PDB file of all heavy atoms in Angstrom:
ATOM      1  N   VAL A   1      79.125 113.072  75.413  1.00  0.00           N
ATOM      2  CA  VAL A   1      79.416 111.672  75.104  1.00  0.00           C
ATOM      3  C   VAL A   1      79.391 111.502  73.581  1.00  0.00           C
ATOM      4  O   VAL A   1      78.647 112.176  72.881  1.00  0.00           O
ATOM      5  CB  VAL A   1      78.391 110.714  75.752  1.00  0.00           C
ATOM      6  CG1 VAL A   1      78.467 110.803  77.267  1.00  0.00           C
ATOM      7  CG2 VAL A   1      76.979 111.016  75.290  1.00  0.00           C
ATOM      8  N   PRO A   2      80.221 110.604  73.066  1.00  0.00           N
ATOM      9  CA  PRO A   2      80.252 110.395  71.611  1.00  0.00           C
ATOM     10  C   PRO A   2      78.973 109.725  71.131  1.00  0.00           C
ATOM     11  O   PRO A   2      78.330 108.969  71.869  1.00  0.00           O
ATOM     12  CB  PRO A   2      81.467 109.478  71.414  1.00  0.00           C
ATOM     13  CG  PRO A   2      81.640 108.783  72.728  1.00  0.00           C
ATOM     14  CD  PRO A   2      81.183 109.760  73.779  1.00  0.00           C
ATOM     15  N   GLU A   3      78.605 110.019  69.873  1.00  0.00           N
ATOM     16  CA  GLU A   3      77.419 109.383  69.305  1.00  0.00           C
ATOM     17  C   GLU A   3      77.615 107.875  69.197  1.00  0.00           C
ATOM     18  O   GLU A   3      76.683 107.100  69.382  1.00  0.00           O
ATOM     19  CB  GLU A   3      77.119 109.985  67.931  1.00  0.00           C
ATOM     20  CG  GLU A   3      76.654 111.429  67.990  1.00  0.00           C
ATOM     21  CD  GLU A   3      76.288 111.959  66.619  1.00  0.00           C
ATOM     22  OE1 GLU A   3      76.179 111.152  65.675  1.00  0.00           O
ATOM     23  OE2 GLU A   3      76.117 113.180  66.490  1.00  0.00           O
ATOM     24  N   ASP A   4      78.839 107.478  68.890  1.00  0.00           N
ATOM     25  CA  ASP A   4      79.150 106.056  68.781  1.00  0.00           C
ATOM     26  C   ASP A   4      79.635 105.548  70.139  1.00  0.00           C
ATOM     27  O   ASP A   4      80.714 105.920  70.604  1.00  0.00           O
ATOM     28  CB  ASP A   4      80.228 105.839  67.719  1.00  0.00           C
ATOM     29  CG  ASP A   4      80.580 104.362  67.552  1.00  0.00           C
ATOM     30  OD1 ASP A   4      79.867 103.511  68.144  1.00  0.00           O
ATOM     31  OD2 ASP A   4      81.554 104.056  66.848  1.00  0.00           O
ATOM     32  N   THR A   5      78.829 104.712  70.783  1.00  0.00           N
ATOM     33  CA  THR A   5      79.186 104.213  72.122  1.00  0.00           C
ATOM     34  C   THR A   5      79.944 102.893  72.064  1.00  0.00           C
ATOM     35  O   THR A   5      80.164 102.260  73.092  1.00  0.00           O
ATOM     36  CB  THR A   5      77.914 104.029  72.974  1.00  0.00           C
ATOM     37  OG1 THR A   5      77.049 103.072  72.343  1.00  0.00           O
ATOM     38  CG2 THR A   5      77.186 105.345  73.157  1.00  0.00           C
ATOM     39  N   SER A   6      80.360 102.491  70.863  1.00  0.00           N
ATOM     40  CA  SER A   6      81.031 101.192  70.743  1.00  0.00           C
ATOM     41  C   SER A   6      82.525 101.266  71.049  1.00  0.00           C
ATOM     42  O   SER A   6      83.206 100.249  71.062  1.00  0.00           O
ATOM     43  CB  SER A   6      80.826 100.620  69.337  1.00  0.00           C
ATOM     44  OG  SER A   6      81.425 101.475  68.373  1.00  0.00           O
ATOM     45  N   GLY A   7      83.048 102.482  71.261  1.00  0.00           N
ATOM     46  CA  GLY A   7      84.467 102.636  71.562  1.00  0.00           C
ATOM     47  C   GLY A   7      84.789 102.112  72.951  1.00  0.00           C
ATOM     48  O   GLY A   7      83.911 101.665  73.704  1.00  0.00           O
ATOM     49  N   PRO A   8      86.085 102.134  73.316  1.00  0.00           N
ATOM     50  CA  PRO A   8      86.471 101.627  74.633  1.00  0.00           C
ATOM     51  C   PRO A   8      85.843 102.427  75.764  1.00  0.00           C
ATOM     52  O   PRO A   8      85.728 103.653  75.675  1.00  0.00           O
ATOM     53  CB  PRO A   8      87.998 101.758  74.626  1.00  0.00           C
ATOM     54  CG  PRO A   8      88.319 102.725  73.545  1.00  0.00           C
ATOM     55  CD  PRO A   8      87.230 102.609  72.530  1.00  0.00           C
ATOM     56  N   ALA A   9      85.414 101.720  76.795  1.00  0.00           N
ATOM     57  CA  ALA A   9      84.847 102.390  77.964  1.00  0.00           C
ATOM     58  C   ALA A   9      85.952 103.114  78.716  1.00  0.00           C
ATOM     59  O   ALA A   9      87.109 102.702  78.710  1.00  0.00           O
ATOM     60  CB  ALA A   9      84.165 101.379  78.879  1.00  0.00           C
ATOM     61  N   GLN A  10      85.584 104.218  79.364  1.00  0.00           N
ATOM     62  CA  GLN A  10      86.514 104.977  80.186  1.00  0.00           C
ATOM     63  C   GLN A  10      85.799 105.351  81.478  1.00  0.00           C
ATOM     64  O   GLN A  10      84.953 106.243  81.494  1.00  0.00           O
ATOM     65  CB  GLN A  10      86.978 106.247  79.470  1.00  0.00           C
ATOM     66  CG  GLN A  10      87.840 105.998  78.245  1.00  0.00           C
ATOM     67  CD  GLN A  10      88.163 107.286  77.527  1.00  0.00           C
ATOM     68  OE1 GLN A  10      87.263 108.016  77.143  1.00  0.00           O
ATOM     69  NE2 GLN A  10      89.441 107.572  77.349  1.00  0.00           N
ATOM     70  N   LEU A  11      86.137 104.652  82.552  1.00  0.00           N
ATOM     71  CA  LEU A  11      85.547 104.933  83.855  1.00  0.00           C
ATOM     72  C   LEU A  11      86.651 105.381  84.804  1.00  0.00           C
ATOM     73  O   LEU A  11      87.599 104.633  85.058  1.00  0.00           O
ATOM     74  CB  LEU A  11      84.851 103.687  84.420  1.00  0.00           C
ATOM     75  CG  LEU A  11      84.267 103.844  85.826  1.00  0.00           C
ATOM     76  CD1 LEU A  11      83.018 104.713  85.792  1.00  0.00           C
ATOM     77  CD2 LEU A  11      83.934 102.487  86.445  1.00  0.00           C
ATOM     78  N   LEU A  12      86.558 106.605  85.312  1.00  0.00           N
ATOM     79  CA  LEU A  12      87.512 107.119  86.285  1.00  0.00           C
ATOM     80  C   LEU A  12      86.950 106.885  87.683  1.00  0.00           C
ATOM     81  O   LEU A  12      85.858 107.366  88.004  1.00  0.00           O
ATOM     82  CB  LEU A  12      87.747 108.607  86.059  1.00  0.00           C
ATOM     83  CG  LEU A  12      88.666 109.305  87.072  1.00  0.00           C
ATOM     84  CD1 LEU A  12      90.085 108.767  86.975  1.00  0.00           C
ATOM     85  CD2 LEU A  12      88.658 110.817  86.856  1.00  0.00           C
ATOM     86  N   VAL A  13      87.683 106.156  88.519  1.00  0.00           N
ATOM     87  CA  VAL A  13      87.228 105.835  89.869  1.00  0.00           C
ATOM     88  C   VAL A  13      87.485 107.034  90.776  1.00  0.00           C
ATOM     89  O   VAL A  13      88.630 107.479  90.929  1.00  0.00           O
ATOM     90  CB  VAL A  13      87.950 104.588  90.421  1.00  0.00           C
ATOM     91  CG1 VAL A  13      87.504 104.308  91.847  1.00  0.00           C
ATOM     92  CG2 VAL A  13      87.686 103.395  89.520  1.00  0.00           C
ATOM     93  N   THR A  14      86.415 107.563  91.363  1.00  0.00           N
ATOM     94  CA  THR A  14      86.553 108.761  92.197  1.00  0.00           C
ATOM     95  C   THR A  14      86.219 108.513  93.660  1.00  0.00           C
ATOM     96  O   THR A  14      86.530 109.344  94.509  1.00  0.00           O
ATOM     97  CB  THR A  14      85.662 109.901  91.669  1.00  0.00           C
ATOM     98  OG1 THR A  14      84.355 109.393  91.427  1.00  0.00           O
ATOM     99  CG2 THR A  14      86.213 110.464  90.380  1.00  0.00           C
ATOM    100  N   SER A  15      85.572 107.417  93.985  1.00  0.00           N
ATOM    101  CA  SER A  15      85.351 107.080  95.396  1.00  0.00           C
ATOM    102  C   SER A  15      85.092 105.581  95.517  1.00  0.00           C
ATOM    103  O   SER A  15      84.870 104.890  94.522  1.00  0.00           O
ATOM    104  CB  SER A  15      84.192 107.888  95.997  1.00  0.00           C
ATOM    105  OG  SER A  15      82.977 107.582  95.361  1.00  0.00           O
ATOM    106  N   LEU A  16      85.144 105.102  96.754  1.00  0.00           N
ATOM    107  CA  LEU A  16      85.021 103.673  97.025  1.00  0.00           C
ATOM    108  C   LEU A  16      83.926 103.419  98.043  1.00  0.00           C
ATOM    109  O   LEU A  16      83.608 104.273  98.871  1.00  0.00           O
ATOM    110  CB  LEU A  16      86.338 103.112  97.556  1.00  0.00           C
ATOM    111  CG  LEU A  16      87.578 103.260  96.675  1.00  0.00           C
ATOM    112  CD1 LEU A  16      88.812 102.837  97.437  1.00  0.00           C
ATOM    113  CD2 LEU A  16      87.427 102.449  95.392  1.00  0.00           C
ATOM    114  N   ASP A  17      83.354 102.225  97.978  1.00  0.00           N
ATOM    115  CA  ASP A  17      82.394 101.770  98.966  1.00  0.00           C
ATOM    116  C   ASP A  17      82.694 100.296  99.222  1.00  0.00           C
ATOM    117  O   ASP A  17      83.519  99.688  98.542  1.00  0.00           O
ATOM    118  CB  ASP A  17      80.966 101.969  98.461  1.00  0.00           C
ATOM    119  CG  ASP A  17      79.933 101.975  99.586  1.00  0.00           C
ATOM    120  OD1 ASP A  17      80.322 101.742 100.754  1.00  0.00           O
ATOM    121  OD2 ASP A  17      78.754 102.207  99.293  1.00  0.00           O
ATOM    122  N   TYR A  18      82.026  99.735 100.194  1.00  0.00           N
ATOM    123  CA  TYR A  18      82.249  98.314 100.493  1.00  0.00           C
ATOM    124  C   TYR A  18      80.922  97.662 100.831  1.00  0.00           C
ATOM    125  O   TYR A  18      80.077  98.242 101.518  1.00  0.00           O
ATOM    126  CB  TYR A  18      83.228  98.152 101.661  1.00  0.00           C
ATOM    127  CG  TYR A  18      83.549  96.696 101.943  1.00  0.00           C
ATOM    128  CD1 TYR A  18      84.479  96.010 101.175  1.00  0.00           C
ATOM    129  CD2 TYR A  18      82.884  96.003 102.951  1.00  0.00           C
ATOM    130  CE1 TYR A  18      84.762  94.676 101.398  1.00  0.00           C
ATOM    131  CE2 TYR A  18      83.146  94.665 103.193  1.00  0.00           C
ATOM    132  CZ  TYR A  18      84.089  94.003 102.418  1.00  0.00           C
ATOM    133  OH  TYR A  18      84.352  92.674 102.645  1.00  0.00           O
ATOM    134  N   ASP A  19      80.735  96.465 100.319  1.00  0.00           N
ATOM    135  CA  ASP A  19      79.541  95.678 100.610  1.00  0.00           C
ATOM    136  C   ASP A  19      80.002  94.303 101.092  1.00  0.00           C
ATOM    137  O   ASP A  19      80.839  93.675 100.432  1.00  0.00           O
ATOM    138  CB  ASP A  19      78.682  95.538  99.343  1.00  0.00           C
ATOM    139  CG  ASP A  19      77.379  94.818  99.613  1.00  0.00           C
ATOM    140  OD1 ASP A  19      77.417  93.577  99.782  1.00  0.00           O
ATOM    141  OD2 ASP A  19      76.318  95.470  99.632  1.00  0.00           O
ATOM    142  N   PRO A  20      79.485  93.819 102.223  1.00  0.00           N
ATOM    143  CA  PRO A  20      79.966  92.534 102.746  1.00  0.00           C
ATOM    144  C   PRO A  20      79.696  91.361 101.808  1.00  0.00           C
ATOM    145  O   PRO A  20      80.354  90.326 101.914  1.00  0.00           O
ATOM    146  CB  PRO A  20      79.204  92.386 104.068  1.00  0.00           C
ATOM    147  CG  PRO A  20      78.053  93.324 103.971  1.00  0.00           C
ATOM    148  CD  PRO A  20      78.495  94.448 103.107  1.00  0.00           C
ATOM    149  N   TYR A  21      78.761  91.514 100.879  1.00  0.00           N
ATOM    150  CA  TYR A  21      78.418  90.409  99.983  1.00  0.00           C
ATOM    151  C   TYR A  21      79.235  90.435  98.695  1.00  0.00           C
ATOM    152  O   TYR A  21      79.591  89.389  98.159  1.00  0.00           O
ATOM    153  CB  TYR A  21      76.926  90.449  99.642  1.00  0.00           C
ATOM    154  CG  TYR A  21      76.048  90.237 100.846  1.00  0.00           C
ATOM    155  CD1 TYR A  21      75.408  91.313 101.456  1.00  0.00           C
ATOM    156  CD2 TYR A  21      75.855  88.969 101.396  1.00  0.00           C
ATOM    157  CE1 TYR A  21      74.609  91.139 102.579  1.00  0.00           C
ATOM    158  CE2 TYR A  21      75.067  88.777 102.517  1.00  0.00           C
ATOM    159  CZ  TYR A  21      74.446  89.859 103.102  1.00  0.00           C
ATOM    160  OH  TYR A  21      73.664  89.678 104.210  1.00  0.00           O
ATOM    161  N   VAL A  22      79.507  91.630  98.173  1.00  0.00           N
ATOM    162  CA  VAL A  22      80.179  91.700  96.867  1.00  0.00           C
ATOM    163  C   VAL A  22      81.572  92.321  96.968  1.00  0.00           C
ATOM    164  O   VAL A  22      82.282  92.407  95.963  1.00  0.00           O
ATOM    165  CB  VAL A  22      79.326  92.491  95.846  1.00  0.00           C
ATOM    166  CG1 VAL A  22      78.000  91.792  95.614  1.00  0.00           C
ATOM    167  CG2 VAL A  22      79.116  93.935  96.284  1.00  0.00           C
ATOM    168  N   GLY A  23      81.985  92.756  98.153  1.00  0.00           N
ATOM    169  CA  GLY A  23      83.331  93.276  98.327  1.00  0.00           C
ATOM    170  C   GLY A  23      83.446  94.748  97.976  1.00  0.00           C
ATOM    171  O   GLY A  23      82.476  95.514  98.098  1.00  0.00           O
ATOM    172  N   ARG A  24      84.620  95.120  97.518  1.00  0.00           N
ATOM    173  CA  ARG A  24      84.895  96.526  97.222  1.00  0.00           C
ATOM    174  C   ARG A  24      84.093  97.001  96.018  1.00  0.00           C
ATOM    175  O   ARG A  24      83.990  96.302  95.006  1.00  0.00           O
ATOM    176  CB  ARG A  24      86.392  96.718  96.970  1.00  0.00           C
ATOM    177  CG  ARG A  24      86.792  98.157  96.716  1.00  0.00           C
ATOM    178  CD  ARG A  24      88.299  98.332  96.633  1.00  0.00           C
ATOM    179  NE  ARG A  24      88.940  98.121  97.922  1.00  0.00           N
ATOM    180  CZ  ARG A  24      90.158  98.561  98.216  1.00  0.00           C
ATOM    181  NH1 ARG A  24      90.853  99.212  97.308  1.00  0.00           N
ATOM    182  NH2 ARG A  24      90.691  98.333  99.395  1.00  0.00           N
ATOM    183  N   ILE A  25      83.534  98.195  96.143  1.00  0.00           N
ATOM    184  CA  ILE A  25      82.745  98.800  95.067  1.00  0.00           C
ATOM    185  C   ILE A  25      83.425 100.100  94.656  1.00  0.00           C
ATOM    186  O   ILE A  25      83.721 100.941  95.507  1.00  0.00           O
ATOM    187  CB  ILE A  25      81.297  99.070  95.528  1.00  0.00           C
ATOM    188  CG1 ILE A  25      80.594  97.747  95.853  1.00  0.00           C
ATOM    189  CG2 ILE A  25      80.523  99.838  94.465  1.00  0.00           C
ATOM    190  CD1 ILE A  25      79.222  97.920  96.472  1.00  0.00           C
ATOM    191  N   SER A  26      83.708 100.231  93.389  1.00  0.00           N
ATOM    192  CA  SER A  26      84.350 101.444  92.875  1.00  0.00           C
ATOM    193  C   SER A  26      83.317 102.289  92.140  1.00  0.00           C
ATOM    194  O   SER A  26      82.559 101.785  91.305  1.00  0.00           O
ATOM    195  CB  SER A  26      85.506 101.078  91.943  1.00  0.00           C
ATOM    196  OG  SER A  26      85.138 100.062  91.034  1.00  0.00           O
ATOM    197  N   LEU A  27      83.309 103.570  92.464  1.00  0.00           N
ATOM    198  CA  LEU A  27      82.291 104.477  91.932  1.00  0.00           C
ATOM    199  C   LEU A  27      82.953 105.560  91.108  1.00  0.00           C
ATOM    200  O   LEU A  27      84.012 106.075  91.469  1.00  0.00           O
ATOM    201  CB  LEU A  27      81.518 105.095  93.099  1.00  0.00           C
ATOM    202  CG  LEU A  27      80.367 106.039  92.780  1.00  0.00           C
ATOM    203  CD1 LEU A  27      79.316 105.924  93.876  1.00  0.00           C
ATOM    204  CD2 LEU A  27      80.832 107.498  92.689  1.00  0.00           C
ATOM    205  N   GLY A  28      82.335 105.899  89.983  1.00  0.00           N
ATOM    206  CA  GLY A  28      82.876 106.977  89.167  1.00  0.00           C
ATOM    207  C   GLY A  28      81.954 107.305  88.015  1.00  0.00           C
ATOM    208  O   GLY A  28      80.859 106.751  87.886  1.00  0.00           O
ATOM    209  N   ARG A  29      82.420 108.206  87.195  1.00  0.00           N
ATOM    210  CA  ARG A  29      81.641 108.612  86.029  1.00  0.00           C
ATOM    211  C   ARG A  29      82.170 107.875  84.799  1.00  0.00           C
ATOM    212  O   ARG A  29      83.371 107.796  84.580  1.00  0.00           O
ATOM    213  CB  ARG A  29      81.761 110.117  85.820  1.00  0.00           C
ATOM    214  CG  ARG A  29      81.106 110.587  84.536  1.00  0.00           C
ATOM    215  CD  ARG A  29      81.013 112.081  84.489  1.00  0.00           C
ATOM    216  NE  ARG A  29      80.598 112.526  83.174  1.00  0.00           N
ATOM    217  CZ  ARG A  29      80.276 113.770  82.877  1.00  0.00           C
ATOM    218  NH1 ARG A  29      80.332 114.688  83.809  1.00  0.00           N
ATOM    219  NH2 ARG A  29      79.907 114.106  81.666  1.00  0.00           N
ATOM    220  N   LEU A  30      81.256 107.354  84.010  1.00  0.00           N
ATOM    221  CA  LEU A  30      81.610 106.677  82.765  1.00  0.00           C
ATOM    222  C   LEU A  30      81.663 107.721  81.651  1.00  0.00           C
ATOM    223  O   LEU A  30      80.639 108.248  81.224  1.00  0.00           O
ATOM    224  CB  LEU A  30      80.584 105.588  82.447  1.00  0.00           C
ATOM    225  CG  LEU A  30      80.871 104.703  81.236  1.00  0.00           C
ATOM    226  CD1 LEU A  30      82.226 104.019  81.374  1.00  0.00           C
ATOM    227  CD2 LEU A  30      79.772 103.671  81.053  1.00  0.00           C
ATOM    228  N   PHE A  31      82.885 108.050  81.223  1.00  0.00           N
ATOM    229  CA  PHE A  31      83.060 109.121  80.251  1.00  0.00           C
ATOM    230  C   PHE A  31      82.805 108.654  78.819  1.00  0.00           C
ATOM    231  O   PHE A  31      82.446 109.452  77.963  1.00  0.00           O
ATOM    232  CB  PHE A  31      84.486 109.682  80.343  1.00  0.00           C
ATOM    233  CG  PHE A  31      84.704 110.552  81.541  1.00  0.00           C
ATOM    234  CD1 PHE A  31      85.167 110.001  82.728  1.00  0.00           C
ATOM    235  CD2 PHE A  31      84.428 111.906  81.500  1.00  0.00           C
ATOM    236  CE1 PHE A  31      85.360 110.801  83.848  1.00  0.00           C
ATOM    237  CE2 PHE A  31      84.622 112.714  82.611  1.00  0.00           C
ATOM    238  CZ  PHE A  31      85.095 112.155  83.791  1.00  0.00           C
ATOM    239  N   ASN A  32      83.051 107.384  78.554  1.00  0.00           N
ATOM    240  CA  ASN A  32      83.012 106.926  77.167  1.00  0.00           C
ATOM    241  C   ASN A  32      82.629 105.455  77.142  1.00  0.00           C
ATOM    242  O   ASN A  32      82.901 104.718  78.084  1.00  0.00           O
ATOM    243  CB  ASN A  32      84.403 107.118  76.538  1.00  0.00           C
ATOM    244  CG  ASN A  32      84.339 107.190  75.030  1.00  0.00           C
ATOM    245  OD1 ASN A  32      83.296 106.958  74.432  1.00  0.00           O
ATOM    246  ND2 ASN A  32      85.460 107.508  74.408  1.00  0.00           N
ATOM    247  N   GLY A  33      81.986 105.020  76.067  1.00  0.00           N
ATOM    248  CA  GLY A  33      81.681 103.606  75.899  1.00  0.00           C
ATOM    249  C   GLY A  33      80.653 103.094  76.882  1.00  0.00           C
ATOM    250  O   GLY A  33      80.088 103.836  77.682  1.00  0.00           O
ATOM    251  N   GLU A  34      80.400 101.810  76.815  1.00  0.00           N
ATOM    252  CA  GLU A  34      79.454 101.142  77.707  1.00  0.00           C
ATOM    253  C   GLU A  34      80.169 100.065  78.512  1.00  0.00           C
ATOM    254  O   GLU A  34      81.156  99.488  78.062  1.00  0.00           O
ATOM    255  CB  GLU A  34      78.325 100.488  76.902  1.00  0.00           C
ATOM    256  CG  GLU A  34      77.414 101.476  76.196  1.00  0.00           C
ATOM    257  CD  GLU A  34      76.294 100.784  75.432  1.00  0.00           C
ATOM    258  OE1 GLU A  34      76.416  99.565  75.149  1.00  0.00           O
ATOM    259  OE2 GLU A  34      75.300 101.451  75.115  1.00  0.00           O
ATOM    260  N   LEU A  35      79.665  99.820  79.704  1.00  0.00           N
ATOM    261  CA  LEU A  35      80.129  98.687  80.507  1.00  0.00           C
ATOM    262  C   LEU A  35      78.972  97.720  80.675  1.00  0.00           C
ATOM    263  O   LEU A  35      77.820  98.138  80.818  1.00  0.00           O
ATOM    264  CB  LEU A  35      80.620  99.158  81.878  1.00  0.00           C
ATOM    265  CG  LEU A  35      81.923  99.956  81.928  1.00  0.00           C
ATOM    266  CD1 LEU A  35      82.211 100.388  83.354  1.00  0.00           C
ATOM    267  CD2 LEU A  35      83.091  99.145  81.375  1.00  0.00           C
ATOM    268  N   ARG A  36      79.303  96.417  80.682  1.00  0.00           N
ATOM    269  CA  ARG A  36      78.265  95.402  80.837  1.00  0.00           C
ATOM    270  C   ARG A  36      78.628  94.460  81.975  1.00  0.00           C
ATOM    271  O   ARG A  36      79.804  94.196  82.230  1.00  0.00           O
ATOM    272  CB  ARG A  36      78.080  94.607  79.530  1.00  0.00           C
ATOM    273  CG  ARG A  36      77.581  95.476  78.401  1.00  0.00           C
ATOM    274  CD  ARG A  36      77.369  94.709  77.109  1.00  0.00           C
ATOM    275  NE  ARG A  36      76.881  95.604  76.070  1.00  0.00           N
ATOM    276  CZ  ARG A  36      75.604  95.919  75.892  1.00  0.00           C
ATOM    277  NH1 ARG A  36      74.674  95.364  76.678  1.00  0.00           N
ATOM    278  NH2 ARG A  36      75.229  96.748  74.946  1.00  0.00           N
ATOM    279  N   ARG A  37      77.601  93.960  82.626  1.00  0.00           N
ATOM    280  CA  ARG A  37      77.801  93.001  83.707  1.00  0.00           C
ATOM    281  C   ARG A  37      78.577  91.774  83.209  1.00  0.00           C
ATOM    282  O   ARG A  37      78.352  91.294  82.098  1.00  0.00           O
ATOM    283  CB  ARG A  37      76.423  92.573  84.236  1.00  0.00           C
ATOM    284  CG  ARG A  37      76.482  91.684  85.461  1.00  0.00           C
ATOM    285  CD  ARG A  37      75.180  90.899  85.588  1.00  0.00           C
ATOM    286  NE  ARG A  37      74.011  91.749  85.689  1.00  0.00           N
ATOM    287  CZ  ARG A  37      73.239  91.835  86.773  1.00  0.00           C
ATOM    288  NH1 ARG A  37      73.526  91.142  87.848  1.00  0.00           N
ATOM    289  NH2 ARG A  37      72.173  92.611  86.785  1.00  0.00           N
ATOM    290  N   ASN A  38      79.507  91.292  84.025  1.00  0.00           N
ATOM    291  CA  ASN A  38      80.321  90.101  83.737  1.00  0.00           C
ATOM    292  C   ASN A  38      81.227  90.269  82.519  1.00  0.00           C
ATOM    293  O   ASN A  38      81.705  89.276  81.957  1.00  0.00           O
ATOM    294  CB  ASN A  38      79.438  88.861  83.557  1.00  0.00           C
ATOM    295  CG  ASN A  38      78.706  88.505  84.836  1.00  0.00           C
ATOM    296  OD1 ASN A  38      79.239  88.679  85.935  1.00  0.00           O
ATOM    297  ND2 ASN A  38      77.483  88.008  84.702  1.00  0.00           N
TER     298      ASN A  38
END
């Protein structure tokens, strides 16, 4: 991972799940950057 995490996030979706409360859930590895809720 890069030392600077401020770059664009890169998440590759590799599998799916489903939750009746929140709907479709996408799962994968975050290769770059950070993701934040909302």
